[in-house]
Amino acid sequence: MKWIFVAAFLLTGIYHGVGLVNPALTEPATALRHVIFLVINLIGAGILVKAKGRGLYLLFPLILQQIWSHAEYGRQVWVEQQRLDWASLIVIVGMPILGVYIVRVNQKRLQEERQKT
């Protein structure tokens, strides 16, 4: 499961990289926003690869921010343009799954530590 999330972060980083090169291919955003989220996505992938246990909780602020931001943007697109923003839908569904994954990884780690003692 971890590698699915790593791939998702990397693909999202690529999406923001494409937005820098050709903004017409992505949802409207400033170049600075694309750079910020390109970096954030690379860091997020790195955290998933390197962090163990509680270190994964470093992603929780991002999870909350992304759910909030994409819920609002997705609603705005729906109201103003009468279309579904697929990226927002994927984020709104995927980020809570990532959060559950992180909690489960930590629960498993705690169980293993208790069994060792």
N, C-alpha and C. Protein backbone atom coordinates (compact mmCIF):
# COMPACT_ATOMS: atom_id res chain seq x y z
N MET A 1 0.83 -1.20 0.00
CA MET A 1 0.00 0.00 0.00
C MET A 1 0.87 1.26 0.00
N LYS A 2 1.99 1.19 0.75
CA LYS A 2 2.88 2.34 0.83
C LYS A 2 3.30 2.81 -0.55
N TRP A 3 3.62 1.90 -1.44
CA TRP A 3 4.14 2.28 -2.75
C TRP A 3 3.07 2.89 -3.64
N ILE A 4 1.82 2.57 -3.39
CA ILE A 4 0.73 3.23 -4.11
C ILE A 4 0.69 4.71 -3.72
N PHE A 5 0.84 4.98 -2.43
CA PHE A 5 0.84 6.37 -1.97
C PHE A 5 2.08 7.11 -2.45
N VAL A 6 3.23 6.43 -2.44
CA VAL A 6 4.46 7.06 -2.96
C VAL A 6 4.25 7.43 -4.43
N ALA A 7 3.70 6.49 -5.21
CA ALA A 7 3.44 6.76 -6.62
C ALA A 7 2.47 7.93 -6.79
N ALA A 8 1.45 8.00 -5.95
CA ALA A 8 0.47 9.08 -6.03
C ALA A 8 1.15 10.43 -5.78
N PHE A 9 2.03 10.48 -4.77
CA PHE A 9 2.74 11.73 -4.50
C PHE A 9 3.64 12.10 -5.67
N LEU A 10 4.34 11.12 -6.23
CA LEU A 10 5.23 11.41 -7.36
C LEU A 10 4.44 11.85 -8.59
N LEU A 11 3.32 11.19 -8.87
CA LEU A 11 2.49 11.59 -10.01
C LEU A 11 1.92 12.99 -9.82
N THR A 12 1.55 13.31 -8.59
CA THR A 12 1.05 14.65 -8.31
C THR A 12 2.16 15.68 -8.48
N GLY A 13 3.37 15.31 -8.09
CA GLY A 13 4.51 16.19 -8.33
C GLY A 13 4.72 16.43 -9.82
N ILE A 14 4.58 15.36 -10.61
CA ILE A 14 4.71 15.50 -12.06
C ILE A 14 3.61 16.42 -12.60
N TYR A 15 2.39 16.25 -12.09
CA TYR A 15 1.28 17.12 -12.49
C TYR A 15 1.65 18.58 -12.28
N HIS A 16 2.21 18.89 -11.10
CA HIS A 16 2.57 20.29 -10.82
C HIS A 16 3.75 20.74 -11.67
N GLY A 17 4.65 19.81 -12.00
CA GLY A 17 5.73 20.14 -12.92
C GLY A 17 5.20 20.47 -14.30
N VAL A 18 4.22 19.71 -14.76
CA VAL A 18 3.57 19.99 -16.05
C VAL A 18 2.90 21.36 -15.99
N GLY A 19 2.28 21.68 -14.86
CA GLY A 19 1.64 22.99 -14.69
C GLY A 19 2.61 24.14 -14.81
N LEU A 20 3.86 23.90 -14.43
CA LEU A 20 4.88 24.93 -14.59
C LEU A 20 5.24 25.13 -16.05
N VAL A 21 5.36 24.03 -16.78
CA VAL A 21 5.79 24.08 -18.18
C VAL A 21 4.65 24.49 -19.11
N ASN A 22 3.47 23.95 -18.86
CA ASN A 22 2.32 24.24 -19.72
C ASN A 22 1.06 24.36 -18.86
N PRO A 23 0.80 25.55 -18.32
CA PRO A 23 -0.33 25.74 -17.41
C PRO A 23 -1.69 25.36 -18.00
N ALA A 24 -1.83 25.38 -19.31
CA ALA A 24 -3.11 25.06 -19.93
C ALA A 24 -3.50 23.60 -19.70
N LEU A 25 -2.55 22.75 -19.34
CA LEU A 25 -2.83 21.32 -19.14
C LEU A 25 -3.30 20.99 -17.72
N THR A 26 -3.29 21.99 -16.83
CA THR A 26 -3.68 21.74 -15.44
C THR A 26 -4.76 22.73 -15.01
N GLU A 27 -5.27 22.51 -13.82
CA GLU A 27 -6.22 23.46 -13.24
C GLU A 27 -5.49 24.78 -13.02
N PRO A 28 -6.21 25.89 -13.07
CA PRO A 28 -5.55 27.20 -12.90
C PRO A 28 -4.83 27.32 -11.55
N ALA A 29 -3.57 27.71 -11.61
CA ALA A 29 -2.77 27.96 -10.41
C ALA A 29 -1.57 28.80 -10.82
N THR A 30 -1.03 29.53 -9.87
CA THR A 30 0.16 30.32 -10.16
C THR A 30 1.38 29.41 -10.27
N ALA A 31 2.41 29.91 -10.90
CA ALA A 31 3.66 29.15 -10.99
C ALA A 31 4.21 28.86 -9.60
N LEU A 32 4.11 29.83 -8.70
CA LEU A 32 4.59 29.64 -7.34
C LEU A 32 3.86 28.48 -6.66
N ARG A 33 2.55 28.43 -6.83
CA ARG A 33 1.78 27.33 -6.24
C ARG A 33 2.22 25.98 -6.79
N HIS A 34 2.45 25.94 -8.10
CA HIS A 34 2.93 24.68 -8.69
C HIS A 34 4.30 24.29 -8.11
N VAL A 35 5.19 25.27 -7.95
CA VAL A 35 6.51 24.97 -7.38
C VAL A 35 6.37 24.47 -5.95
N ILE A 36 5.57 25.16 -5.15
CA ILE A 36 5.37 24.77 -3.75
C ILE A 36 4.86 23.34 -3.67
N PHE A 37 3.85 23.01 -4.46
CA PHE A 37 3.28 21.66 -4.35
C PHE A 37 4.14 20.61 -5.04
N LEU A 38 4.94 20.99 -5.98
CA LEU A 38 5.93 20.06 -6.54
C LEU A 38 6.89 19.65 -5.43
N VAL A 39 7.41 20.62 -4.70
CA VAL A 39 8.33 20.34 -3.60
C VAL A 39 7.63 19.55 -2.49
N ILE A 40 6.44 19.97 -2.11
CA ILE A 40 5.70 19.28 -1.05
C ILE A 40 5.45 17.82 -1.43
N ASN A 41 5.11 17.57 -2.68
CA ASN A 41 4.85 16.20 -3.09
C ASN A 41 6.12 15.34 -3.09
N LEU A 42 7.24 15.92 -3.46
CA LEU A 42 8.51 15.18 -3.39
C LEU A 42 8.87 14.88 -1.94
N ILE A 43 8.67 15.86 -1.06
CA ILE A 43 8.92 15.64 0.37
C ILE A 43 7.97 14.58 0.91
N GLY A 44 6.70 14.66 0.53
CA GLY A 44 5.72 13.66 0.98
C GLY A 44 6.11 12.25 0.56
N ALA A 45 6.54 12.10 -0.68
CA ALA A 45 7.00 10.78 -1.15
C ALA A 45 8.20 10.33 -0.33
N GLY A 46 9.12 11.26 -0.06
CA GLY A 46 10.29 10.92 0.74
C GLY A 46 9.93 10.50 2.15
N ILE A 47 8.98 11.18 2.76
CA ILE A 47 8.53 10.82 4.11
C ILE A 47 7.95 9.41 4.08
N LEU A 48 7.14 9.11 3.10
CA LEU A 48 6.55 7.77 3.02
C LEU A 48 7.61 6.68 2.85
N VAL A 49 8.66 6.99 2.10
CA VAL A 49 9.71 6.00 1.87
C VAL A 49 10.60 5.85 3.11
N LYS A 50 10.98 6.96 3.73
CA LYS A 50 11.99 6.93 4.79
C LYS A 50 11.45 6.84 6.21
N ALA A 51 10.32 7.48 6.47
CA ALA A 51 9.84 7.57 7.85
C ALA A 51 9.30 6.24 8.33
N LYS A 52 9.49 6.02 9.59
CA LYS A 52 8.96 4.82 10.24
C LYS A 52 8.02 5.26 11.36
N GLY A 53 6.97 4.51 11.55
CA GLY A 53 6.09 4.75 12.69
C GLY A 53 5.57 6.16 12.78
N ARG A 54 5.85 6.79 13.92
CA ARG A 54 5.30 8.12 14.20
C ARG A 54 5.74 9.18 13.21
N GLY A 55 6.85 8.99 12.54
CA GLY A 55 7.31 9.96 11.56
C GLY A 55 6.32 10.18 10.43
N LEU A 56 5.51 9.17 10.17
CA LEU A 56 4.50 9.30 9.12
C LEU A 56 3.44 10.34 9.47
N TYR A 57 3.28 10.61 10.77
CA TYR A 57 2.31 11.62 11.18
C TYR A 57 2.68 13.02 10.69
N LEU A 58 3.90 13.20 10.21
CA LEU A 58 4.29 14.48 9.61
C LEU A 58 3.39 14.83 8.42
N LEU A 59 2.76 13.83 7.83
CA LEU A 59 1.90 14.07 6.68
C LEU A 59 0.49 14.52 7.06
N PHE A 60 0.12 14.43 8.34
CA PHE A 60 -1.25 14.78 8.73
C PHE A 60 -1.63 16.24 8.45
N PRO A 61 -0.77 17.22 8.71
CA PRO A 61 -1.17 18.59 8.35
C PRO A 61 -1.45 18.73 6.85
N LEU A 62 -0.65 18.07 6.03
CA LEU A 62 -0.88 18.11 4.58
C LEU A 62 -2.20 17.44 4.23
N ILE A 63 -2.47 16.30 4.84
CA ILE A 63 -3.73 15.60 4.59
C ILE A 63 -4.92 16.52 4.88
N LEU A 64 -4.90 17.16 6.04
CA LEU A 64 -6.01 18.05 6.42
C LEU A 64 -6.12 19.24 5.48
N GLN A 65 -4.98 19.85 5.15
CA GLN A 65 -4.99 21.01 4.26
C GLN A 65 -5.53 20.63 2.89
N GLN A 66 -5.12 19.49 2.37
CA GLN A 66 -5.55 19.07 1.04
C GLN A 66 -7.05 18.75 1.00
N ILE A 67 -7.55 18.09 2.03
CA ILE A 67 -8.99 17.81 2.08
C ILE A 67 -9.76 19.12 2.09
N TRP A 68 -9.36 20.05 2.96
CA TRP A 68 -10.03 21.35 3.06
C TRP A 68 -9.97 22.10 1.73
N SER A 69 -8.78 22.22 1.18
CA SER A 69 -8.56 23.00 -0.03
C SER A 69 -9.30 22.41 -1.23
N HIS A 70 -9.19 21.10 -1.41
CA HIS A 70 -9.82 20.48 -2.57
C HIS A 70 -11.34 20.38 -2.42
N ALA A 71 -11.82 20.27 -1.20
CA ALA A 71 -13.28 20.28 -1.00
C ALA A 71 -13.83 21.64 -1.42
N GLU A 72 -13.16 22.70 -1.00
CA GLU A 72 -13.61 24.05 -1.36
C GLU A 72 -13.47 24.29 -2.86
N TYR A 73 -12.32 23.92 -3.43
CA TYR A 73 -12.12 24.15 -4.86
C TYR A 73 -13.08 23.29 -5.68
N GLY A 74 -13.25 22.04 -5.29
CA GLY A 74 -14.19 21.17 -6.01
C GLY A 74 -15.61 21.70 -5.97
N ARG A 75 -16.01 22.24 -4.82
CA ARG A 75 -17.34 22.84 -4.71
C ARG A 75 -17.46 24.05 -5.62
N GLN A 76 -16.42 24.88 -5.61
CA GLN A 76 -16.41 26.09 -6.44
C GLN A 76 -16.51 25.73 -7.93
N VAL A 77 -15.76 24.76 -8.37
CA VAL A 77 -15.81 24.33 -9.77
C VAL A 77 -17.20 23.80 -10.11
N TRP A 78 -17.77 23.03 -9.20
CA TRP A 78 -19.10 22.45 -9.44
C TRP A 78 -20.16 23.56 -9.58
N VAL A 79 -20.11 24.54 -8.69
CA VAL A 79 -21.10 25.62 -8.69
C VAL A 79 -20.91 26.55 -9.88
N GLU A 80 -19.66 26.95 -10.13
CA GLU A 80 -19.40 27.96 -11.16
C GLU A 80 -19.30 27.40 -12.57
N GLN A 81 -18.81 26.17 -12.70
CA GLN A 81 -18.57 25.61 -14.03
C GLN A 81 -19.43 24.39 -14.33
N GLN A 82 -20.22 23.95 -13.38
CA GLN A 82 -21.07 22.76 -13.53
C GLN A 82 -20.29 21.55 -14.05
N ARG A 83 -19.12 21.34 -13.47
CA ARG A 83 -18.33 20.16 -13.82
C ARG A 83 -17.66 19.62 -12.57
N LEU A 84 -17.29 18.36 -12.65
CA LEU A 84 -16.60 17.70 -11.56
C LEU A 84 -15.09 17.89 -11.73
N ASP A 85 -14.43 18.36 -10.69
CA ASP A 85 -12.97 18.44 -10.71
C ASP A 85 -12.43 17.10 -10.20
N TRP A 86 -11.97 16.29 -11.14
CA TRP A 86 -11.55 14.93 -10.81
C TRP A 86 -10.38 14.91 -9.85
N ALA A 87 -9.44 15.82 -9.99
CA ALA A 87 -8.29 15.86 -9.08
C ALA A 87 -8.77 16.09 -7.64
N SER A 88 -9.72 16.99 -7.46
CA SER A 88 -10.25 17.24 -6.12
C SER A 88 -10.96 16.02 -5.57
N LEU A 89 -11.72 15.35 -6.40
CA LEU A 89 -12.40 14.14 -5.95
C LEU A 89 -11.40 13.07 -5.51
N ILE A 90 -10.35 12.89 -6.29
CA ILE A 90 -9.34 11.89 -5.95
C ILE A 90 -8.66 12.26 -4.63
N VAL A 91 -8.36 13.53 -4.44
CA VAL A 91 -7.72 13.97 -3.19
C VAL A 91 -8.66 13.78 -2.01
N ILE A 92 -9.92 14.16 -2.17
CA ILE A 92 -10.89 14.06 -1.08
C ILE A 92 -11.12 12.61 -0.66
N VAL A 93 -11.03 11.70 -1.60
CA VAL A 93 -11.17 10.27 -1.29
C VAL A 93 -9.84 9.68 -0.82
N GLY A 94 -8.75 10.04 -1.49
CA GLY A 94 -7.47 9.41 -1.23
C GLY A 94 -6.78 9.84 0.05
N MET A 95 -6.87 11.10 0.40
CA MET A 95 -6.16 11.57 1.60
C MET A 95 -6.67 10.94 2.89
N PRO A 96 -7.98 10.77 3.08
CA PRO A 96 -8.42 10.05 4.28
C PRO A 96 -7.92 8.60 4.30
N ILE A 97 -7.83 7.98 3.13
CA ILE A 97 -7.30 6.62 3.08
C ILE A 97 -5.84 6.61 3.51
N LEU A 98 -5.07 7.61 3.06
CA LEU A 98 -3.68 7.74 3.51
C LEU A 98 -3.64 7.93 5.02
N GLY A 99 -4.51 8.74 5.57
CA GLY A 99 -4.55 8.94 7.02
C GLY A 99 -4.82 7.65 7.77
N VAL A 100 -5.77 6.87 7.29
CA VAL A 100 -6.08 5.57 7.91
C VAL A 100 -4.87 4.64 7.80
N TYR A 101 -4.23 4.63 6.65
CA TYR A 101 -3.03 3.81 6.45
C TYR A 101 -1.97 4.16 7.49
N ILE A 102 -1.72 5.45 7.70
CA ILE A 102 -0.70 5.89 8.66
C ILE A 102 -1.05 5.43 10.07
N VAL A 103 -2.31 5.59 10.45
CA VAL A 103 -2.75 5.15 11.78
C VAL A 103 -2.57 3.64 11.92
N ARG A 104 -2.94 2.89 10.90
CA ARG A 104 -2.82 1.42 10.95
C ARG A 104 -1.36 0.98 11.04
N VAL A 105 -0.48 1.63 10.29
CA VAL A 105 0.95 1.31 10.36
C VAL A 105 1.45 1.51 11.79
N ASN A 106 1.03 2.59 12.41
CA ASN A 106 1.46 2.85 13.78
C ASN A 106 0.84 1.89 14.78
N GLN A 107 -0.40 1.51 14.58
CA GLN A 107 -1.02 0.51 15.45
C GLN A 107 -0.27 -0.82 15.36
N LYS A 108 0.08 -1.21 14.16
CA LYS A 108 0.82 -2.46 13.95
C LYS A 108 2.19 -2.39 14.62
N ARG A 109 2.86 -1.24 14.47
CA ARG A 109 4.18 -1.06 15.10
C ARG A 109 4.07 -1.17 16.61
N LEU A 110 3.05 -0.57 17.20
CA LEU A 110 2.87 -0.62 18.65
C LEU A 110 2.59 -2.06 19.12
N GLN A 111 1.78 -2.78 18.36
CA GLN A 111 1.49 -4.18 18.70
C GLN A 111 2.76 -5.01 18.65
N GLU A 112 3.59 -4.80 17.64
CA GLU A 112 4.84 -5.54 17.52
C GLU A 112 5.78 -5.21 18.67
N GLU A 113 5.83 -3.95 19.08
CA GLU A 113 6.68 -3.55 20.20
C GLU A 113 6.20 -4.20 21.50
N ARG A 114 4.90 -4.26 21.69
CA ARG A 114 4.34 -4.87 22.91
C ARG A 114 4.63 -6.36 22.94
N GLN A 115 4.59 -7.01 21.78
CA GLN A 115 4.85 -8.46 21.73
C GLN A 115 6.31 -8.77 22.03
N LYS A 116 7.22 -7.85 21.73
CA LYS A 116 8.63 -8.06 21.98
C LYS A 116 8.96 -7.97 23.47
N THR A 117 8.13 -7.24 24.22
CA THR A 117 8.43 -7.06 25.65
C THR A 117 7.74 -8.06 26.51
